[in-house]
N, C-alpha and C. Protein backbone atom coordinates (compact mmCIF):
# COMPACT_ATOMS: atom_id res chain seq x y z
N MET A 1 -17.50 36.30 -37.33
CA MET A 1 -17.52 34.89 -36.95
C MET A 1 -17.20 34.06 -38.18
N ILE A 2 -16.16 33.24 -38.06
CA ILE A 2 -15.82 32.33 -39.14
C ILE A 2 -16.54 31.01 -38.89
N LEU A 3 -17.17 30.48 -39.93
CA LEU A 3 -17.89 29.21 -39.86
C LEU A 3 -17.29 28.27 -40.89
N VAL A 4 -16.82 27.10 -40.46
CA VAL A 4 -16.24 26.13 -41.39
C VAL A 4 -16.67 24.71 -41.03
N THR A 5 -16.70 23.86 -42.04
CA THR A 5 -17.01 22.45 -41.81
C THR A 5 -15.75 21.64 -41.49
N THR A 6 -14.59 22.25 -41.69
CA THR A 6 -13.33 21.58 -41.41
C THR A 6 -13.00 21.68 -39.92
N ASP A 7 -12.01 20.92 -39.47
CA ASP A 7 -11.63 20.95 -38.06
C ASP A 7 -10.61 22.03 -37.74
N ASN A 8 -10.12 22.72 -38.76
CA ASN A 8 -9.20 23.84 -38.52
C ASN A 8 -9.50 24.95 -39.52
N ILE A 9 -8.87 26.08 -39.33
CA ILE A 9 -9.06 27.23 -40.21
C ILE A 9 -7.70 27.56 -40.81
N PRO A 10 -7.52 27.36 -42.11
CA PRO A 10 -6.22 27.64 -42.73
C PRO A 10 -5.74 29.06 -42.43
N GLY A 11 -4.49 29.16 -42.00
CA GLY A 11 -3.90 30.46 -41.70
C GLY A 11 -4.25 31.00 -40.32
N LYS A 12 -4.98 30.24 -39.53
CA LYS A 12 -5.37 30.67 -38.19
C LYS A 12 -4.92 29.61 -37.19
N LYS A 13 -4.61 30.07 -35.99
CA LYS A 13 -4.21 29.14 -34.93
C LYS A 13 -5.28 29.16 -33.85
N ILE A 14 -5.87 28.00 -33.59
CA ILE A 14 -6.90 27.89 -32.56
C ILE A 14 -6.22 27.95 -31.19
N LYS A 15 -6.60 28.96 -30.40
CA LYS A 15 -5.99 29.17 -29.09
C LYS A 15 -6.82 28.59 -27.95
N LYS A 16 -8.14 28.51 -28.17
CA LYS A 16 -9.00 28.01 -27.11
C LYS A 16 -10.21 27.31 -27.72
N VAL A 17 -10.58 26.19 -27.13
CA VAL A 17 -11.76 25.44 -27.55
C VAL A 17 -12.81 25.57 -26.45
N PHE A 18 -13.98 26.08 -26.82
CA PHE A 18 -15.06 26.25 -25.85
C PHE A 18 -15.97 25.03 -25.79
N GLY A 19 -16.03 24.28 -26.88
CA GLY A 19 -16.86 23.08 -26.89
C GLY A 19 -18.04 23.19 -27.83
N LEU A 20 -18.96 22.27 -27.65
CA LEU A 20 -20.11 22.13 -28.52
C LEU A 20 -21.04 23.34 -28.44
N VAL A 21 -21.45 23.81 -29.63
CA VAL A 21 -22.51 24.81 -29.74
C VAL A 21 -23.51 24.30 -30.75
N ARG A 22 -24.74 24.74 -30.60
CA ARG A 22 -25.78 24.23 -31.50
C ARG A 22 -26.89 25.26 -31.65
N GLY A 23 -27.66 25.05 -32.69
CA GLY A 23 -28.85 25.85 -32.92
C GLY A 23 -29.85 24.95 -33.63
N ASN A 24 -31.11 25.12 -33.30
CA ASN A 24 -32.11 24.27 -33.95
C ASN A 24 -33.42 25.02 -34.13
N THR A 25 -34.25 24.48 -34.97
CA THR A 25 -35.61 24.96 -35.14
C THR A 25 -36.47 23.78 -35.57
N ILE A 26 -37.72 23.85 -35.21
CA ILE A 26 -38.68 22.82 -35.63
C ILE A 26 -39.74 23.52 -36.45
N ARG A 27 -39.95 23.02 -37.64
CA ARG A 27 -40.92 23.61 -38.56
C ARG A 27 -42.00 22.59 -38.90
N SER A 28 -43.22 23.09 -38.99
CA SER A 28 -44.31 22.22 -39.44
C SER A 28 -44.76 22.66 -40.82
N ARG A 29 -45.27 21.73 -41.55
CA ARG A 29 -45.74 22.02 -42.89
C ARG A 29 -47.12 22.63 -42.84
N HIS A 30 -47.44 23.38 -43.86
CA HIS A 30 -48.74 24.04 -43.99
C HIS A 30 -49.64 23.15 -44.84
N LEU A 31 -50.87 22.92 -44.39
CA LEU A 31 -51.78 22.01 -45.10
C LEU A 31 -51.97 22.41 -46.55
N GLY A 32 -52.14 23.69 -46.81
CA GLY A 32 -52.31 24.16 -48.20
C GLY A 32 -51.08 23.86 -49.05
N ARG A 33 -49.91 24.02 -48.47
CA ARG A 33 -48.67 23.72 -49.20
C ARG A 33 -48.54 22.22 -49.43
N ASP A 34 -49.00 21.42 -48.46
CA ASP A 34 -48.96 19.97 -48.63
C ASP A 34 -49.80 19.53 -49.82
N ILE A 35 -50.97 20.14 -49.98
CA ILE A 35 -51.83 19.79 -51.11
C ILE A 35 -51.13 20.13 -52.42
N MET A 36 -50.50 21.31 -52.48
CA MET A 36 -49.77 21.70 -53.69
C MET A 36 -48.57 20.76 -53.92
N ALA A 37 -47.94 20.33 -52.84
CA ALA A 37 -46.80 19.42 -52.96
C ALA A 37 -47.22 18.08 -53.54
N VAL A 38 -48.42 17.62 -53.18
CA VAL A 38 -48.93 16.36 -53.73
C VAL A 38 -49.07 16.48 -55.25
N PHE A 39 -49.63 17.59 -55.70
CA PHE A 39 -49.77 17.81 -57.14
C PHE A 39 -48.41 17.89 -57.82
N LYS A 40 -47.46 18.58 -57.19
CA LYS A 40 -46.11 18.71 -57.75
C LYS A 40 -45.44 17.34 -57.80
N ASN A 41 -45.70 16.51 -56.81
CA ASN A 41 -45.12 15.16 -56.76
C ASN A 41 -45.63 14.32 -57.93
N ILE A 42 -46.85 14.53 -58.33
CA ILE A 42 -47.43 13.77 -59.45
C ILE A 42 -46.75 14.15 -60.76
N VAL A 43 -46.54 15.45 -60.98
CA VAL A 43 -45.96 15.90 -62.25
C VAL A 43 -44.44 16.03 -62.20
N GLY A 44 -43.89 16.06 -60.99
CA GLY A 44 -42.44 16.17 -60.84
C GLY A 44 -41.98 17.61 -60.75
N GLY A 45 -40.79 17.81 -60.25
CA GLY A 45 -40.21 19.15 -60.14
C GLY A 45 -39.96 19.55 -58.70
N GLU A 46 -39.35 20.70 -58.57
CA GLU A 46 -38.99 21.23 -57.25
C GLU A 46 -40.23 21.75 -56.53
N ILE A 47 -40.31 21.49 -55.25
CA ILE A 47 -41.38 22.02 -54.41
C ILE A 47 -40.81 23.28 -53.76
N ILE A 48 -41.03 24.40 -54.41
CA ILE A 48 -40.39 25.67 -54.06
C ILE A 48 -40.72 26.09 -52.63
N ASP A 49 -41.96 25.93 -52.20
CA ASP A 49 -42.32 26.33 -50.83
C ASP A 49 -41.51 25.57 -49.79
N TYR A 50 -41.29 24.29 -50.00
CA TYR A 50 -40.50 23.50 -49.05
C TYR A 50 -39.02 23.88 -49.12
N THR A 51 -38.53 24.15 -50.32
CA THR A 51 -37.14 24.59 -50.45
C THR A 51 -36.93 25.88 -49.66
N LYS A 52 -37.86 26.81 -49.80
CA LYS A 52 -37.77 28.09 -49.08
C LYS A 52 -37.87 27.86 -47.57
N MET A 53 -38.79 27.01 -47.14
CA MET A 53 -38.96 26.73 -45.71
C MET A 53 -37.68 26.15 -45.12
N MET A 54 -37.05 25.22 -45.81
CA MET A 54 -35.83 24.60 -45.30
C MET A 54 -34.66 25.58 -45.29
N ALA A 55 -34.59 26.46 -46.29
CA ALA A 55 -33.53 27.48 -46.32
C ALA A 55 -33.69 28.42 -45.12
N GLU A 56 -34.91 28.82 -44.83
CA GLU A 56 -35.16 29.69 -43.67
C GLU A 56 -34.82 28.97 -42.38
N ALA A 57 -35.15 27.69 -42.29
CA ALA A 57 -34.84 26.90 -41.09
C ALA A 57 -33.33 26.79 -40.90
N ARG A 58 -32.59 26.58 -41.99
CA ARG A 58 -31.12 26.52 -41.88
C ARG A 58 -30.55 27.83 -41.37
N GLU A 59 -31.01 28.94 -41.94
CA GLU A 59 -30.49 30.25 -41.52
C GLU A 59 -30.81 30.54 -40.06
N GLN A 60 -32.02 30.22 -39.63
CA GLN A 60 -32.40 30.44 -38.24
C GLN A 60 -31.56 29.57 -37.30
N SER A 61 -31.33 28.33 -37.67
CA SER A 61 -30.50 27.43 -36.86
C SER A 61 -29.07 27.93 -36.77
N ILE A 62 -28.51 28.38 -37.90
CA ILE A 62 -27.14 28.92 -37.90
C ILE A 62 -27.07 30.15 -37.01
N ASP A 63 -28.03 31.05 -37.13
CA ASP A 63 -28.04 32.26 -36.29
C ASP A 63 -28.05 31.90 -34.81
N ARG A 64 -28.84 30.91 -34.44
CA ARG A 64 -28.92 30.49 -33.04
C ARG A 64 -27.60 29.86 -32.57
N MET A 65 -26.94 29.10 -33.45
CA MET A 65 -25.66 28.51 -33.11
C MET A 65 -24.61 29.60 -32.91
N ILE A 66 -24.60 30.61 -33.79
CA ILE A 66 -23.67 31.72 -33.66
C ILE A 66 -23.89 32.46 -32.34
N GLU A 67 -25.14 32.73 -31.99
CA GLU A 67 -25.44 33.39 -30.70
C GLU A 67 -24.88 32.58 -29.54
N ASN A 68 -25.03 31.26 -29.60
CA ASN A 68 -24.51 30.37 -28.57
C ASN A 68 -22.99 30.50 -28.47
N ALA A 69 -22.31 30.50 -29.62
CA ALA A 69 -20.85 30.61 -29.64
C ALA A 69 -20.37 31.98 -29.14
N GLU A 70 -21.04 33.03 -29.58
CA GLU A 70 -20.64 34.39 -29.15
C GLU A 70 -20.81 34.57 -27.65
N SER A 71 -21.83 33.94 -27.08
CA SER A 71 -22.03 34.06 -25.63
C SER A 71 -20.90 33.42 -24.83
N LEU A 72 -20.17 32.51 -25.47
CA LEU A 72 -19.02 31.86 -24.82
C LEU A 72 -17.72 32.62 -25.05
N GLY A 73 -17.72 33.59 -25.96
CA GLY A 73 -16.52 34.35 -26.29
C GLY A 73 -15.78 33.82 -27.51
N ALA A 74 -16.41 32.96 -28.28
CA ALA A 74 -15.78 32.38 -29.47
C ALA A 74 -15.82 33.37 -30.63
N ASN A 75 -14.85 33.22 -31.54
CA ASN A 75 -14.86 34.02 -32.77
C ASN A 75 -14.90 33.15 -34.02
N ALA A 76 -15.10 31.83 -33.81
CA ALA A 76 -15.23 30.91 -34.95
C ALA A 76 -15.92 29.63 -34.48
N ILE A 77 -16.48 28.93 -35.45
CA ILE A 77 -17.05 27.60 -35.18
C ILE A 77 -16.50 26.66 -36.24
N VAL A 78 -15.90 25.57 -35.78
CA VAL A 78 -15.31 24.59 -36.70
C VAL A 78 -16.11 23.28 -36.63
N GLY A 79 -15.93 22.44 -37.64
CA GLY A 79 -16.56 21.13 -37.65
C GLY A 79 -18.08 21.19 -37.72
N ILE A 80 -18.61 22.15 -38.44
CA ILE A 80 -20.07 22.34 -38.50
C ILE A 80 -20.74 21.20 -39.26
N ARG A 81 -21.84 20.72 -38.71
CA ARG A 81 -22.64 19.67 -39.33
C ARG A 81 -24.12 20.01 -39.20
N PHE A 82 -24.92 19.50 -40.12
CA PHE A 82 -26.37 19.66 -40.10
C PHE A 82 -27.02 18.29 -39.98
N THR A 83 -28.15 18.24 -39.32
CA THR A 83 -28.94 17.02 -39.27
C THR A 83 -30.42 17.40 -39.20
N THR A 84 -31.25 16.51 -39.70
CA THR A 84 -32.69 16.72 -39.62
C THR A 84 -33.33 15.49 -39.00
N THR A 85 -34.45 15.72 -38.34
CA THR A 85 -35.19 14.64 -37.70
C THR A 85 -36.68 14.89 -37.89
N SER A 86 -37.41 13.87 -38.21
CA SER A 86 -38.86 13.99 -38.29
C SER A 86 -39.42 13.89 -36.88
N MET A 87 -40.11 14.94 -36.44
CA MET A 87 -40.65 14.98 -35.09
C MET A 87 -42.02 14.32 -35.02
N MET A 88 -42.80 14.51 -36.06
CA MET A 88 -44.11 13.91 -36.19
C MET A 88 -44.47 13.96 -37.66
N GLN A 89 -45.64 13.53 -38.03
CA GLN A 89 -45.97 13.41 -39.45
C GLN A 89 -45.79 14.72 -40.22
N SER A 90 -46.07 15.86 -39.60
CA SER A 90 -46.02 17.10 -40.36
C SER A 90 -45.01 18.11 -39.81
N ALA A 91 -44.03 17.65 -39.02
CA ALA A 91 -43.04 18.57 -38.46
C ALA A 91 -41.65 17.93 -38.48
N ALA A 92 -40.64 18.77 -38.69
CA ALA A 92 -39.27 18.28 -38.72
C ALA A 92 -38.37 19.26 -37.97
N GLU A 93 -37.32 18.72 -37.35
CA GLU A 93 -36.32 19.55 -36.68
C GLU A 93 -35.10 19.64 -37.58
N LEU A 94 -34.53 20.83 -37.65
CA LEU A 94 -33.24 21.02 -38.31
C LEU A 94 -32.27 21.47 -37.22
N LEU A 95 -31.17 20.74 -37.07
CA LEU A 95 -30.17 21.01 -36.04
C LEU A 95 -28.83 21.24 -36.72
N VAL A 96 -28.14 22.29 -36.30
CA VAL A 96 -26.78 22.55 -36.76
C VAL A 96 -25.90 22.59 -35.51
N TYR A 97 -24.71 22.00 -35.60
CA TYR A 97 -23.83 21.98 -34.45
C TYR A 97 -22.37 22.03 -34.90
N GLY A 98 -21.52 22.45 -33.98
CA GLY A 98 -20.09 22.54 -34.27
C GLY A 98 -19.34 22.79 -32.98
N THR A 99 -18.06 23.09 -33.10
CA THR A 99 -17.21 23.37 -31.95
C THR A 99 -16.83 24.84 -31.95
N ALA A 100 -17.17 25.53 -30.87
CA ALA A 100 -16.84 26.94 -30.73
C ALA A 100 -15.37 27.07 -30.33
N VAL A 101 -14.66 27.96 -31.01
CA VAL A 101 -13.23 28.17 -30.74
C VAL A 101 -12.89 29.65 -30.76
N TYR A 102 -11.72 29.96 -30.21
CA TYR A 102 -11.15 31.30 -30.34
C TYR A 102 -9.85 31.15 -31.11
N TYR A 103 -9.71 31.89 -32.19
CA TYR A 103 -8.51 31.78 -33.04
C TYR A 103 -7.76 33.10 -33.07
N GLU A 104 -6.50 33.01 -33.45
CA GLU A 104 -5.66 34.16 -33.75
C GLU A 104 -4.97 33.92 -35.06
N GLU A 105 -4.49 34.98 -35.68
CA GLU A 105 -3.74 34.84 -36.93
C GLU A 105 -2.50 33.99 -36.67
N ASP A 106 -2.15 33.16 -37.64
CA ASP A 106 -0.99 32.28 -37.54
C ASP A 106 0.29 33.05 -37.61
C-alpha cells in the first residue's frame, strides 16, 4: 500500500478512485502521567509519555485507514491528512483520512 500526502503518485497512473477512507482512535491521558507532565511543564522539555502515546495513536489510525482502503480494493491512499480533536478534558481523538485509489505503473 502506497501512502502519500500528495494528490498523485509520481510514475503511477490512478485508474480508479474509491473515495474517502479514514481511521481514528481516541486516547485518554493517565492521571499519573498527567502529574509527571505538570512537573515537566514547570522545568521544560519533552513529555516523553505523551509523545509515545501520540505516536501509537497515529500508527493505529493509519492501520485502520489502510484496512478501510484494502476492503475497497485500493492499493494506495493519496491526499492523506491528520487532525486531532479534544473530546473532553482528558481525551483526544486522532483522525487520519485520505482518498483510496487503485494505481498502475505509468
